[in-house]
C-alpha cells in the first residue's frame, strides 16, 4: 500500500504515541490516524499533487512471481468532483460510501511481467 499526501499535510499531522497501542489499532475512532489524515487532506492548502511510484523485483522479498517492474505517475486533485457514474454506484451499493475526501485521480503507468 502506498499512502500519498501533500508534504504540508504530513508535516502538520501529529499523533500522540500514547494514543496508538499497535499499528492498525486505534484507541479511539475519533482520533484514528485515518480520521486525522482525512481531516488534514480536506482542510489543506494543497489540493492537488503528484505521486511517482517505482517498483522493481530487486526490491523486496522476491515473492512477486512474474512481475518484474512498474512505474506510475499519478495526479491527485482533492477538489475534483467524482464522475456521475460513481455517485450512481454509491447509491446502488450499500457498502460503497462517498465522503468529504472522496476525490478523483488520474494515473499513467506501466507494468512489466516476465514469463517463466
PDB file of N, CA and C in Angstrom:
ATOM      1  N   UNK A   1       0.838  -1.167   0.000  1.00  0.00           N
ATOM      2  CA  UNK A   1       0.000   0.000   0.000  1.00  0.00           C
ATOM      3  C   UNK A   1       0.887   1.235   0.000  1.00  0.00           C
ATOM      4  N   UNK A   2       0.518   2.207  -0.788  1.00  0.00           N
ATOM      5  CA  UNK A   2       1.259   3.458  -0.856  1.00  0.00           C
ATOM      6  C   UNK A   2       0.325   4.578  -0.450  1.00  0.00           C
ATOM      7  N   UNK A   3       0.703   5.308   0.557  1.00  0.00           N
ATOM      8  CA  UNK A   3      -0.092   6.440   1.022  1.00  0.00           C
ATOM      9  C   UNK A   3       0.566   7.707   0.527  1.00  0.00           C
ATOM     10  N   UNK A   4      -0.175   8.501  -0.232  1.00  0.00           N
ATOM     11  CA  UNK A   4       0.372   9.740  -0.785  1.00  0.00           C
ATOM     12  C   UNK A   4      -0.467  10.909  -0.299  1.00  0.00           C
ATOM     13  N   UNK A   5       0.159  11.800   0.408  1.00  0.00           N
ATOM     14  CA  UNK A   5      -0.499  13.033   0.828  1.00  0.00           C
ATOM     15  C   UNK A   5       0.499  14.168   0.653  1.00  0.00           C
ATOM     16  N   UNK A   6       0.009  15.409   0.508  1.00  0.00           N
ATOM     17  CA  UNK A   6       0.947  16.523   0.373  1.00  0.00           C
ATOM     18  C   UNK A   6       1.874  16.592   1.581  1.00  0.00           C
ATOM     19  N   UNK A   7       3.092  17.003   1.346  1.00  0.00           N
ATOM     20  CA  UNK A   7       4.064  17.077   2.431  1.00  0.00           C
ATOM     21  C   UNK A   7       3.618  18.022   3.527  1.00  0.00           C
ATOM     22  N   UNK A   8       2.905  19.081   3.151  1.00  0.00           N
ATOM     23  CA  UNK A   8       2.448  20.014   4.182  1.00  0.00           C
ATOM     24  C   UNK A   8       1.451  19.342   5.118  1.00  0.00           C
ATOM     25  N   UNK A   9       0.664  18.405   4.598  1.00  0.00           N
ATOM     26  CA  UNK A   9      -0.282  17.672   5.436  1.00  0.00           C
ATOM     27  C   UNK A   9       0.478  16.780   6.407  1.00  0.00           C
ATOM     28  N   UNK A  10       1.467  16.049   5.912  1.00  0.00           N
ATOM     29  CA  UNK A  10       2.248  15.172   6.781  1.00  0.00           C
ATOM     30  C   UNK A  10       2.995  15.960   7.841  1.00  0.00           C
ATOM     31  N   UNK A  11       3.509  17.109   7.464  1.00  0.00           N
ATOM     32  CA  UNK A  11       4.272  17.913   8.413  1.00  0.00           C
ATOM     33  C   UNK A  11       3.374  18.434   9.533  1.00  0.00           C
ATOM     34  N   UNK A  12       2.090  18.624   9.235  1.00  0.00           N
ATOM     35  CA  UNK A  12       1.172  19.159  10.232  1.00  0.00           C
ATOM     36  C   UNK A  12       0.485  18.069  11.047  1.00  0.00           C
ATOM     37  N   UNK A  13       0.588  16.801  10.611  1.00  0.00           N
ATOM     38  CA  UNK A  13      -0.104  15.713  11.293  1.00  0.00           C
ATOM     39  C   UNK A  13       0.728  15.228  12.463  1.00  0.00           C
ATOM     40  N   UNK A  14       0.164  15.365  13.655  1.00  0.00           N
ATOM     41  CA  UNK A  14       0.853  14.913  14.860  1.00  0.00           C
ATOM     42  C   UNK A  14      -0.066  13.957  15.606  1.00  0.00           C
ATOM     43  N   UNK A  15       0.450  12.809  15.937  1.00  0.00           N
ATOM     44  CA  UNK A  15      -0.314  11.828  16.689  1.00  0.00           C
ATOM     45  C   UNK A  15       0.447  11.533  17.961  1.00  0.00           C
ATOM     46  N   UNK A  16      -0.236  11.606  19.083  1.00  0.00           N
ATOM     47  CA  UNK A  16       0.374  11.287  20.364  1.00  0.00           C
ATOM     48  C   UNK A  16       0.669   9.789  20.397  1.00  0.00           C
ATOM     49  N   UNK A  17       1.941   9.388  20.564  1.00  0.00           N
ATOM     50  CA  UNK A  17       2.282   7.959  20.571  1.00  0.00           C
ATOM     51  C   UNK A  17       1.503   7.163  21.609  1.00  0.00           C
ATOM     52  N   UNK A  18       1.070   7.792  22.689  1.00  0.00           N
ATOM     53  CA  UNK A  18       0.297   7.083  23.712  1.00  0.00           C
ATOM     54  C   UNK A  18      -1.100   6.717  23.216  1.00  0.00           C
ATOM     55  N   UNK A  19      -1.568   7.397  22.130  1.00  0.00           N
ATOM     56  CA  UNK A  19      -2.895   7.107  21.599  1.00  0.00           C
ATOM     57  C   UNK A  19      -2.918   5.809  20.805  1.00  0.00           C
ATOM     58  N   UNK A  20      -1.775   5.375  20.304  1.00  0.00           N
ATOM     59  CA  UNK A  20      -1.724   4.206  19.432  1.00  0.00           C
ATOM     60  C   UNK A  20      -0.991   3.083  20.151  1.00  0.00           C
ATOM     61  N   UNK A  21      -1.690   1.974  20.429  1.00  0.00           N
ATOM     62  CA  UNK A  21      -1.050   0.842  21.093  1.00  0.00           C
ATOM     63  C   UNK A  21      -0.259   0.015  20.085  1.00  0.00           C
ATOM     64  N   UNK A  22      -0.866  -0.287  18.953  1.00  0.00           N
ATOM     65  CA  UNK A  22      -0.188  -1.039  17.901  1.00  0.00           C
ATOM     66  C   UNK A  22      -0.567  -0.430  16.567  1.00  0.00           C
ATOM     67  N   UNK A  23       0.253  -0.678  15.561  1.00  0.00           N
ATOM     68  CA  UNK A  23      -0.057  -0.170  14.227  1.00  0.00           C
ATOM     69  C   UNK A  23      -1.355  -0.819  13.763  1.00  0.00           C
ATOM     70  N   UNK A  24      -2.266  -0.015  13.269  1.00  0.00           N
ATOM     71  CA  UNK A  24      -3.532  -0.522  12.774  1.00  0.00           C
ATOM     72  C   UNK A  24      -4.623  -0.629  13.825  1.00  0.00           C
ATOM     73  N   UNK A  25      -4.296  -0.436  15.087  1.00  0.00           N
ATOM     74  CA  UNK A  25      -5.302  -0.489  16.151  1.00  0.00           C
ATOM     75  C   UNK A  25      -5.361   0.882  16.809  1.00  0.00           C
ATOM     76  N   UNK A  26      -6.552   1.446  16.868  1.00  0.00           N
ATOM     77  CA  UNK A  26      -6.709   2.794  17.404  1.00  0.00           C
ATOM     78  C   UNK A  26      -7.482   2.726  18.716  1.00  0.00           C
ATOM     79  N   UNK A  27      -7.081   3.528  19.660  1.00  0.00           N
ATOM     80  CA  UNK A  27      -7.770   3.552  20.948  1.00  0.00           C
ATOM     81  C   UNK A  27      -9.139   4.197  20.841  1.00  0.00           C
ATOM     82  N   UNK A  28      -9.259   5.203  19.996  1.00  0.00           N
ATOM     83  CA  UNK A  28     -10.498   5.954  19.899  1.00  0.00           C
ATOM     84  C   UNK A  28     -10.732   6.279  18.432  1.00  0.00           C
ATOM     85  N   UNK A  29     -11.904   5.929  17.897  1.00  0.00           N
ATOM     86  CA  UNK A  29     -12.169   6.177  16.483  1.00  0.00           C
ATOM     87  C   UNK A  29     -12.077   7.654  16.137  1.00  0.00           C
ATOM     88  N   UNK A  30     -12.416   8.514  17.076  1.00  0.00           N
ATOM     89  CA  UNK A  30     -12.357   9.952  16.802  1.00  0.00           C
ATOM     90  C   UNK A  30     -10.928  10.398  16.534  1.00  0.00           C
ATOM     91  N   UNK A  31      -9.960   9.716  17.108  1.00  0.00           N
ATOM     92  CA  UNK A  31      -8.564  10.103  16.965  1.00  0.00           C
ATOM     93  C   UNK A  31      -7.772   9.131  16.101  1.00  0.00           C
ATOM     94  N   UNK A  32      -8.447   8.332  15.271  1.00  0.00           N
ATOM     95  CA  UNK A  32      -7.733   7.367  14.445  1.00  0.00           C
ATOM     96  C   UNK A  32      -6.849   8.104  13.441  1.00  0.00           C
ATOM     97  N   UNK A  33      -5.785   7.462  13.039  1.00  0.00           N
ATOM     98  CA  UNK A  33      -4.873   8.054  12.067  1.00  0.00           C
ATOM     99  C   UNK A  33      -5.608   8.366  10.772  1.00  0.00           C
ATOM    100  N   UNK A  34      -6.523   7.492  10.363  1.00  0.00           N
ATOM    101  CA  UNK A  34      -7.298   7.730   9.151  1.00  0.00           C
ATOM    102  C   UNK A  34      -8.115   9.012   9.263  1.00  0.00           C
ATOM    103  N   UNK A  35      -8.787   9.211  10.380  1.00  0.00           N
ATOM    104  CA  UNK A  35      -9.610  10.414  10.530  1.00  0.00           C
ATOM    105  C   UNK A  35      -8.750  11.669  10.603  1.00  0.00           C
ATOM    106  N   UNK A  36      -7.585  11.569  11.218  1.00  0.00           N
ATOM    107  CA  UNK A  36      -6.679  12.718  11.286  1.00  0.00           C
ATOM    108  C   UNK A  36      -6.195  13.088   9.892  1.00  0.00           C
ATOM    109  N   UNK A  37      -5.763  12.090   9.099  1.00  0.00           N
ATOM    110  CA  UNK A  37      -5.270  12.369   7.744  1.00  0.00           C
ATOM    111  C   UNK A  37      -6.403  12.889   6.869  1.00  0.00           C
ATOM    112  N   UNK A  38      -7.600  12.275   6.941  1.00  0.00           N
ATOM    113  CA  UNK A  38      -8.730  12.763   6.146  1.00  0.00           C
ATOM    114  C   UNK A  38      -9.043  14.215   6.461  1.00  0.00           C
ATOM    115  N   UNK A  39      -9.010  14.565   7.727  1.00  0.00           N
ATOM    116  CA  UNK A  39      -9.271  15.943   8.130  1.00  0.00           C
ATOM    117  C   UNK A  39      -8.207  16.880   7.571  1.00  0.00           C
ATOM    118  N   UNK A  40      -6.942  16.471   7.652  1.00  0.00           N
ATOM    119  CA  UNK A  40      -5.857  17.317   7.141  1.00  0.00           C
ATOM    120  C   UNK A  40      -5.928  17.471   5.626  1.00  0.00           C
ATOM    121  N   UNK A  41      -6.264  16.393   4.910  1.00  0.00           N
ATOM    122  CA  UNK A  41      -6.376  16.480   3.452  1.00  0.00           C
ATOM    123  C   UNK A  41      -7.511  17.418   3.079  1.00  0.00           C
ATOM    124  N   UNK A  42      -8.637  17.289   3.758  1.00  0.00           N
ATOM    125  CA  UNK A  42      -9.806  18.117   3.461  1.00  0.00           C
ATOM    126  C   UNK A  42      -9.531  19.592   3.713  1.00  0.00           C
ATOM    127  N   UNK A  43      -8.754  19.907   4.732  1.00  0.00           N
ATOM    128  CA  UNK A  43      -8.513  21.292   5.121  1.00  0.00           C
ATOM    129  C   UNK A  43      -7.170  21.845   4.659  1.00  0.00           C
ATOM    130  N   UNK A  44      -6.420  21.092   3.884  1.00  0.00           N
ATOM    131  CA  UNK A  44      -5.085  21.521   3.464  1.00  0.00           C
ATOM    132  C   UNK A  44      -5.151  22.630   2.418  1.00  0.00           C
ATOM    133  N   UNK A  45      -4.090  23.422   2.363  1.00  0.00           N
ATOM    134  CA  UNK A  45      -3.971  24.445   1.325  1.00  0.00           C
ATOM    135  C   UNK A  45      -3.646  23.812  -0.024  1.00  0.00           C
ATOM    136  N   UNK A  46      -2.935  22.686  -0.009  1.00  0.00           N
ATOM    137  CA  UNK A  46      -2.578  21.974  -1.242  1.00  0.00           C
ATOM    138  C   UNK A  46      -3.724  21.035  -1.604  1.00  0.00           C
ATOM    139  N   UNK A  47      -4.351  21.274  -2.759  1.00  0.00           N
ATOM    140  CA  UNK A  47      -5.475  20.433  -3.159  1.00  0.00           C
ATOM    141  C   UNK A  47      -5.134  19.533  -4.334  1.00  0.00           C
ATOM    142  N   UNK A  48      -3.974  19.691  -4.912  1.00  0.00           N
ATOM    143  CA  UNK A  48      -3.566  18.793  -5.983  1.00  0.00           C
ATOM    144  C   UNK A  48      -2.073  18.519  -5.856  1.00  0.00           C
ATOM    145  N   UNK A  49      -1.689  17.319  -6.238  1.00  0.00           N
ATOM    146  CA  UNK A  49      -0.295  16.931  -6.118  1.00  0.00           C
ATOM    147  C   UNK A  49      -0.023  15.717  -6.984  1.00  0.00           C
ATOM    148  N   UNK A  50       1.254  15.441  -7.185  1.00  0.00           N
ATOM    149  CA  UNK A  50       1.707  14.314  -7.993  1.00  0.00           C
ATOM    150  C   UNK A  50       2.332  13.252  -7.111  1.00  0.00           C
ATOM    151  N   UNK A  51       2.214  12.018  -7.552  1.00  0.00           N
ATOM    152  CA  UNK A  51       2.860  10.900  -6.874  1.00  0.00           C
ATOM    153  C   UNK A  51       3.580  10.076  -7.929  1.00  0.00           C
ATOM    154  N   UNK A  52       4.825   9.729  -7.662  1.00  0.00           N
ATOM    155  CA  UNK A  52       5.591   8.866  -8.551  1.00  0.00           C
ATOM    156  C   UNK A  52       5.901   7.586  -7.797  1.00  0.00           C
ATOM    157  N   UNK A  53       5.488   6.453  -8.363  1.00  0.00           N
ATOM    158  CA  UNK A  53       5.732   5.151  -7.737  1.00  0.00           C
ATOM    159  C   UNK A  53       6.617   4.322  -8.645  1.00  0.00           C
ATOM    160  N   UNK A  54       7.624   3.699  -8.055  1.00  0.00           N
ATOM    161  CA  UNK A  54       8.513   2.809  -8.804  1.00  0.00           C
ATOM    162  C   UNK A  54       8.622   1.494  -8.056  1.00  0.00           C
ATOM    163  N   UNK A  55       8.436   0.399  -8.767  1.00  0.00           N
ATOM    164  CA  UNK A  55       8.543  -0.929  -8.169  1.00  0.00           C
ATOM    165  C   UNK A  55       9.487  -1.762  -9.021  1.00  0.00           C
ATOM    166  N   UNK A  56      10.266  -2.609  -8.368  1.00  0.00           N
ATOM    167  CA  UNK A  56      11.189  -3.481  -9.080  1.00  0.00           C
ATOM    168  C   UNK A  56      11.325  -4.769  -8.296  1.00  0.00           C
ATOM    169  N   UNK A  57      11.481  -5.890  -9.008  1.00  0.00           N
ATOM    170  CA  UNK A  57      11.579  -7.169  -8.303  1.00  0.00           C
ATOM    171  C   UNK A  57      12.891  -7.328  -7.545  1.00  0.00           C
ATOM    172  N   UNK A  58      13.822  -6.419  -7.742  1.00  0.00           N
ATOM    173  CA  UNK A  58      15.048  -6.441  -6.946  1.00  0.00           C
ATOM    174  C   UNK A  58      14.793  -5.909  -5.538  1.00  0.00           C
ATOM    175  N   UNK A  59      13.693  -5.157  -5.391  1.00  0.00           N
ATOM    176  CA  UNK A  59      13.317  -4.593  -4.099  1.00  0.00           C
ATOM    177  C   UNK A  59      12.273  -5.524  -3.478  1.00  0.00           C
ATOM    178  N   UNK A  60      12.492  -5.981  -2.298  1.00  0.00           N
ATOM    179  CA  UNK A  60      11.501  -6.817  -1.622  1.00  0.00           C
ATOM    180  C   UNK A  60      11.953  -8.248  -1.452  1.00  0.00           C
ATOM    181  N   UNK A  61      10.985  -9.097  -1.149  1.00  0.00           N
ATOM    182  CA  UNK A  61      11.272 -10.487  -0.785  1.00  0.00           C
ATOM    183  C   UNK A  61      11.342 -11.422  -1.982  1.00  0.00           C
ATOM    184  N   UNK A  62      11.082 -10.926  -3.183  1.00  0.00           N
ATOM    185  CA  UNK A  62      11.141 -11.769  -4.368  1.00  0.00           C
ATOM    186  C   UNK A  62       9.959 -12.712  -4.501  1.00  0.00           C
ATOM    187  N   UNK A  63       8.833 -12.368  -3.919  1.00  0.00           N
ATOM    188  CA  UNK A  63       7.647 -13.225  -3.967  1.00  0.00           C
ATOM    189  C   UNK A  63       6.617 -12.726  -4.972  1.00  0.00           C
ATOM    190  N   UNK A  64       7.041 -11.938  -5.937  1.00  0.00           N
ATOM    191  CA  UNK A  64       6.093 -11.332  -6.870  1.00  0.00           C
ATOM    192  C   UNK A  64       5.846 -12.164  -8.122  1.00  0.00           C
ATOM    193  N   UNK A  65       6.315 -13.424  -8.148  1.00  0.00           N
ATOM    194  CA  UNK A  65       6.107 -14.336  -9.272  1.00  0.00           C
ATOM    195  C   UNK A  65       6.679 -13.740 -10.560  1.00  0.00           C
ATOM    196  N   UNK A  66       5.806 -13.433 -11.527  1.00  0.00           N
ATOM    197  CA  UNK A  66       6.275 -12.991 -12.846  1.00  0.00           C
ATOM    198  C   UNK A  66       6.363 -11.473 -12.987  1.00  0.00           C
ATOM    199  N   UNK A  67       5.984 -10.742 -11.967  1.00  0.00           N
ATOM    200  CA  UNK A  67       6.019  -9.279 -12.023  1.00  0.00           C
ATOM    201  C   UNK A  67       7.462  -8.814 -11.925  1.00  0.00           C
ATOM    202  N   UNK A  68       7.913  -8.030 -12.905  1.00  0.00           N
ATOM    203  CA  UNK A  68       9.300  -7.580 -12.942  1.00  0.00           C
ATOM    204  C   UNK A  68       9.455  -6.164 -12.417  1.00  0.00           C
ATOM    205  N   UNK A  69       8.690  -5.232 -12.973  1.00  0.00           N
ATOM    206  CA  UNK A  69       8.803  -3.851 -12.510  1.00  0.00           C
ATOM    207  C   UNK A  69       7.591  -3.045 -12.959  1.00  0.00           C
ATOM    208  N   UNK A  70       7.467  -1.884 -12.366  1.00  0.00           N
ATOM    209  CA  UNK A  70       6.380  -0.995 -12.728  1.00  0.00           C
ATOM    210  C   UNK A  70       6.701   0.424 -12.315  1.00  0.00           C
ATOM    211  N   UNK A  71       6.116   1.355 -13.036  1.00  0.00           N
ATOM    212  CA  UNK A  71       6.275   2.768 -12.712  1.00  0.00           C
ATOM    213  C   UNK A  71       4.924   3.446 -12.961  1.00  0.00           C
ATOM    214  N   UNK A  72       4.550   4.358 -12.066  1.00  0.00           N
ATOM    215  CA  UNK A  72       3.286   5.063 -12.193  1.00  0.00           C
ATOM    216  C   UNK A  72       3.461   6.523 -11.809  1.00  0.00           C
ATOM    217  N   UNK A  73       2.822   7.379 -12.575  1.00  0.00           N
ATOM    218  CA  UNK A  73       2.729   8.796 -12.250  1.00  0.00           C
ATOM    219  C   UNK A  73       1.247   9.084 -12.036  1.00  0.00           C
ATOM    220  N   UNK A  74       0.911   9.590 -10.868  1.00  0.00           N
ATOM    221  CA  UNK A  74      -0.490   9.819 -10.520  1.00  0.00           C
ATOM    222  C   UNK A  74      -0.692  11.285 -10.157  1.00  0.00           C
ATOM    223  N   UNK A  75      -1.746  11.870 -10.706  1.00  0.00           N
ATOM    224  CA  UNK A  75      -2.140  13.237 -10.388  1.00  0.00           C
ATOM    225  C   UNK A  75      -3.397  13.174  -9.527  1.00  0.00           C
ATOM    226  N   UNK A  76      -3.325  13.743  -8.341  1.00  0.00           N
ATOM    227  CA  UNK A  76      -4.456  13.795  -7.418  1.00  0.00           C
ATOM    228  C   UNK A  76      -4.988  15.220  -7.367  1.00  0.00           C
ATOM    229  N   UNK A  77      -6.306  15.349  -7.337  1.00  0.00           N
ATOM    230  CA  UNK A  77      -6.941  16.645  -7.119  1.00  0.00           C
ATOM    231  C   UNK A  77      -8.088  16.424  -6.144  1.00  0.00           C
ATOM    232  N   UNK A  78      -7.910  16.875  -4.924  1.00  0.00           N
ATOM    233  CA  UNK A  78      -8.899  16.605  -3.877  1.00  0.00           C
ATOM    234  C   UNK A  78     -10.167  17.432  -4.023  1.00  0.00           C
ATOM    235  N   UNK A  79     -10.171  18.411  -4.934  1.00  0.00           N
ATOM    236  CA  UNK A  79     -11.368  19.233  -5.115  1.00  0.00           C
ATOM    237  C   UNK A  79     -12.165  18.860  -6.354  1.00  0.00           C
ATOM    238  N   UNK A  80     -11.668  17.929  -7.160  1.00  0.00           N
ATOM    239  CA  UNK A  80     -12.400  17.498  -8.341  1.00  0.00           C
ATOM    240  C   UNK A  80     -13.546  16.588  -7.919  1.00  0.00           C
ATOM    241  N   UNK A  81     -14.706  16.844  -8.434  1.00  0.00           N
ATOM    242  CA  UNK A  81     -15.872  16.009  -8.127  1.00  0.00           C
ATOM    243  C   UNK A  81     -15.735  14.662  -8.835  1.00  0.00           C
ATOM    244  N   UNK A  82     -16.262  13.628  -8.220  1.00  0.00           N
ATOM    245  CA  UNK A  82     -16.238  12.310  -8.850  1.00  0.00           C
ATOM    246  C   UNK A  82     -17.238  12.291  -9.994  1.00  0.00           C
ATOM    247  N   UNK A  83     -17.005  11.461 -11.014  1.00  0.00           N
ATOM    248  CA  UNK A  83     -17.945  11.379 -12.137  1.00  0.00           C
ATOM    249  C   UNK A  83     -19.335  10.914 -11.670  1.00  0.00           C
ATOM    250  N   UNK A  84     -20.385  11.289 -12.404  1.00  0.00           N
ATOM    251  CA  UNK A  84     -21.754  10.906 -12.015  1.00  0.00           C
ATOM    252  C   UNK A  84     -21.949   9.393 -11.872  1.00  0.00           C
ATOM    253  N   UNK A  85     -21.229   8.605 -12.654  1.00  0.00           N
ATOM    254  CA  UNK A  85     -21.369   7.150 -12.558  1.00  0.00           C
ATOM    255  C   UNK A  85     -20.932   6.646 -11.178  1.00  0.00           C
ATOM    256  N   UNK A  86     -19.973   7.312 -10.562  1.00  0.00           N
ATOM    257  CA  UNK A  86     -19.526   6.934  -9.218  1.00  0.00           C
ATOM    258  C   UNK A  86     -20.610   7.264  -8.194  1.00  0.00           C
ATOM    259  N   UNK A  87     -21.270   8.404  -8.364  1.00  0.00           N
ATOM    260  CA  UNK A  87     -22.400   8.740  -7.488  1.00  0.00           C
ATOM    261  C   UNK A  87     -23.506   7.690  -7.606  1.00  0.00           C
ATOM    262  N   UNK A  88     -23.779   7.248  -8.846  1.00  0.00           N
ATOM    263  CA  UNK A  88     -24.816   6.234  -9.063  1.00  0.00           C
ATOM    264  C   UNK A  88     -24.428   4.911  -8.400  1.00  0.00           C
ATOM    265  N   UNK A  89     -23.156   4.527  -8.492  1.00  0.00           N
ATOM    266  CA  UNK A  89     -22.690   3.304  -7.831  1.00  0.00           C
ATOM    267  C   UNK A  89     -22.824   3.409  -6.317  1.00  0.00           C
ATOM    268  N   UNK A  90     -22.484   4.560  -5.788  1.00  0.00           N
ATOM    269  CA  UNK A  90     -22.582   4.764  -4.340  1.00  0.00           C
ATOM    270  C   UNK A  90     -24.030   4.660  -3.870  1.00  0.00           C
ATOM    271  N   UNK A  91     -24.965   5.113  -4.703  1.00  0.00           N
ATOM    272  CA  UNK A  91     -26.381   4.999  -4.349  1.00  0.00           C
ATOM    273  C   UNK A  91     -26.875   3.556  -4.452  1.00  0.00           C
ATOM    274  N   UNK A  92     -26.327   2.794  -5.412  1.00  0.00           N
ATOM    275  CA  UNK A  92     -26.799   1.432  -5.668  1.00  0.00           C
ATOM    276  C   UNK A  92     -26.179   0.389  -4.742  1.00  0.00           C
ATOM    277  N   UNK A  93     -24.959   0.625  -4.268  1.00  0.00           N
ATOM    278  CA  UNK A  93     -24.251  -0.358  -3.444  1.00  0.00           C
ATOM    279  C   UNK A  93     -24.208   0.156  -2.006  1.00  0.00           C
ATOM    280  N   UNK A  94     -24.850  -0.548  -1.085  1.00  0.00           N
ATOM    281  CA  UNK A  94     -24.944  -0.055   0.297  1.00  0.00           C
ATOM    282  C   UNK A  94     -23.593   0.147   0.992  1.00  0.00           C
ATOM    283  N   UNK A  95     -22.601  -0.660   0.676  1.00  0.00           N
ATOM    284  CA  UNK A  95     -21.304  -0.546   1.363  1.00  0.00           C
ATOM    285  C   UNK A  95     -20.343   0.402   0.664  1.00  0.00           C
ATOM    286  N   UNK A  96     -20.764   1.031  -0.408  1.00  0.00           N
ATOM    287  CA  UNK A  96     -19.913   1.936  -1.180  1.00  0.00           C
ATOM    288  C   UNK A  96     -20.298   3.363  -0.821  1.00  0.00           C
ATOM    289  N   UNK A  97     -19.506   3.996   0.022  1.00  0.00           N
ATOM    290  CA  UNK A  97     -19.834   5.334   0.511  1.00  0.00           C
ATOM    291  C   UNK A  97     -18.883   6.385  -0.045  1.00  0.00           C
ATOM    292  N   UNK A  98     -19.414   7.559  -0.270  1.00  0.00           N
ATOM    293  CA  UNK A  98     -18.608   8.720  -0.622  1.00  0.00           C
ATOM    294  C   UNK A  98     -18.558   9.621   0.605  1.00  0.00           C
ATOM    295  N   UNK A  99     -17.436  10.342   0.767  1.00  0.00           N
ATOM    296  CA  UNK A  99     -17.327  11.262   1.895  1.00  0.00           C
ATOM    297  C   UNK A  99     -16.631  12.539   1.442  1.00  0.00           C
ATOM    298  N   UNK A 100     -16.286  13.392   2.380  1.00  0.00           N
ATOM    299  CA  UNK A 100     -15.678  14.686   2.054  1.00  0.00           C
ATOM    300  C   UNK A 100     -14.315  14.559   1.392  1.00  0.00           C
ATOM    301  N   UNK A 101     -13.633  13.439   1.576  1.00  0.00           N
ATOM    302  CA  UNK A 101     -12.298  13.285   0.994  1.00  0.00           C
ATOM    303  C   UNK A 101     -12.302  12.389  -0.237  1.00  0.00           C
ATOM    304  N   UNK A 102     -13.484  11.972  -0.711  1.00  0.00           N
ATOM    305  CA  UNK A 102     -13.554  11.213  -1.958  1.00  0.00           C
ATOM    306  C   UNK A 102     -13.173  12.154  -3.086  1.00  0.00           C
ATOM    307  N   UNK A 103     -12.236  11.735  -3.919  1.00  0.00           N
ATOM    308  CA  UNK A 103     -11.757  12.614  -4.980  1.00  0.00           C
ATOM    309  C   UNK A 103     -11.411  11.802  -6.219  1.00  0.00           C
ATOM    310  N   UNK A 104     -10.954  12.496  -7.229  1.00  0.00           N
ATOM    311  CA  UNK A 104     -10.599  11.878  -8.496  1.00  0.00           C
ATOM    312  C   UNK A 104      -9.094  11.938  -8.676  1.00  0.00           C
ATOM    313  N   UNK A 105      -8.540  10.867  -9.235  1.00  0.00           N
ATOM    314  CA  UNK A 105      -7.127  10.899  -9.578  1.00  0.00           C
ATOM    315  C   UNK A 105      -6.932  10.241 -10.931  1.00  0.00           C
ATOM    316  N   UNK A 106      -5.844  10.602 -11.585  1.00  0.00           N
ATOM    317  CA  UNK A 106      -5.520  10.098 -12.909  1.00  0.00           C
ATOM    318  C   UNK A 106      -4.130   9.480 -12.850  1.00  0.00           C
ATOM    319  N   UNK A 107      -3.996   8.272 -13.395  1.00  0.00           N
ATOM    320  CA  UNK A 107      -2.729   7.551 -13.331  1.00  0.00           C
ATOM    321  C   UNK A 107      -2.293   7.128 -14.717  1.00  0.00           C
ATOM    322  N   UNK A 108      -1.012   7.310 -14.983  1.00  0.00           N
ATOM    323  CA  UNK A 108      -0.374   6.795 -16.184  1.00  0.00           C
ATOM    324  C   UNK A 108       0.734   5.873 -15.709  1.00  0.00           C
ATOM    325  N   UNK A 109       0.710   4.630 -16.147  1.00  0.00           N
ATOM    326  CA  UNK A 109       1.705   3.702 -15.630  1.00  0.00           C
ATOM    327  C   UNK A 109       2.000   2.562 -16.571  1.00  0.00           C
ATOM    328  N   UNK A 110       2.977   1.781 -16.164  1.00  0.00           N
ATOM    329  CA  UNK A 110       3.403   0.624 -16.947  1.00  0.00           C
ATOM    330  C   UNK A 110       3.822  -0.482 -15.986  1.00  0.00           C
ATOM    331  N   UNK A 111       3.351  -1.698 -16.243  1.00  0.00           N
ATOM    332  CA  UNK A 111       3.785  -2.875 -15.504  1.00  0.00           C
ATOM    333  C   UNK A 111       4.462  -3.826 -16.480  1.00  0.00           C
ATOM    334  N   UNK A 112       5.563  -4.413 -16.061  1.00  0.00           N
ATOM    335  CA  UNK A 112       6.295  -5.358 -16.905  1.00  0.00           C
ATOM    336  C   UNK A 112       6.280  -6.722 -16.226  1.00  0.00           C
ATOM    337  N   UNK A 113       5.900  -7.747 -16.981  1.00  0.00           N
ATOM    338  CA  UNK A 113       5.875  -9.118 -16.484  1.00  0.00           C
ATOM    339  C   UNK A 113       6.822  -9.961 -17.327  1.00  0.00           C
ATOM    340  N   UNK A 114       7.567 -10.840 -16.683  1.00  0.00           N
ATOM    341  CA  UNK A 114       8.489 -11.738 -17.372  1.00  0.00           C
ATOM    342  C   UNK A 114       7.948 -13.160 -17.249  1.00  0.00           C
ATOM    343  N   UNK A 115       7.586 -13.781 -18.378  1.00  0.00           N
ATOM    344  CA  UNK A 115       7.077 -15.156 -18.289  1.00  0.00           C
ATOM    345  C   UNK A 115       8.185 -16.124 -17.879  1.00  0.00           C
ATOM    346  N   UNK A 116       7.771 -17.250 -17.327  1.00  0.00           N
ATOM    347  CA  UNK A 116       8.771 -18.231 -16.878  1.00  0.00           C
ATOM    348  C   UNK A 116       9.394 -18.964 -18.049  1.00  0.00           C
TER     349      UNK A 116
END
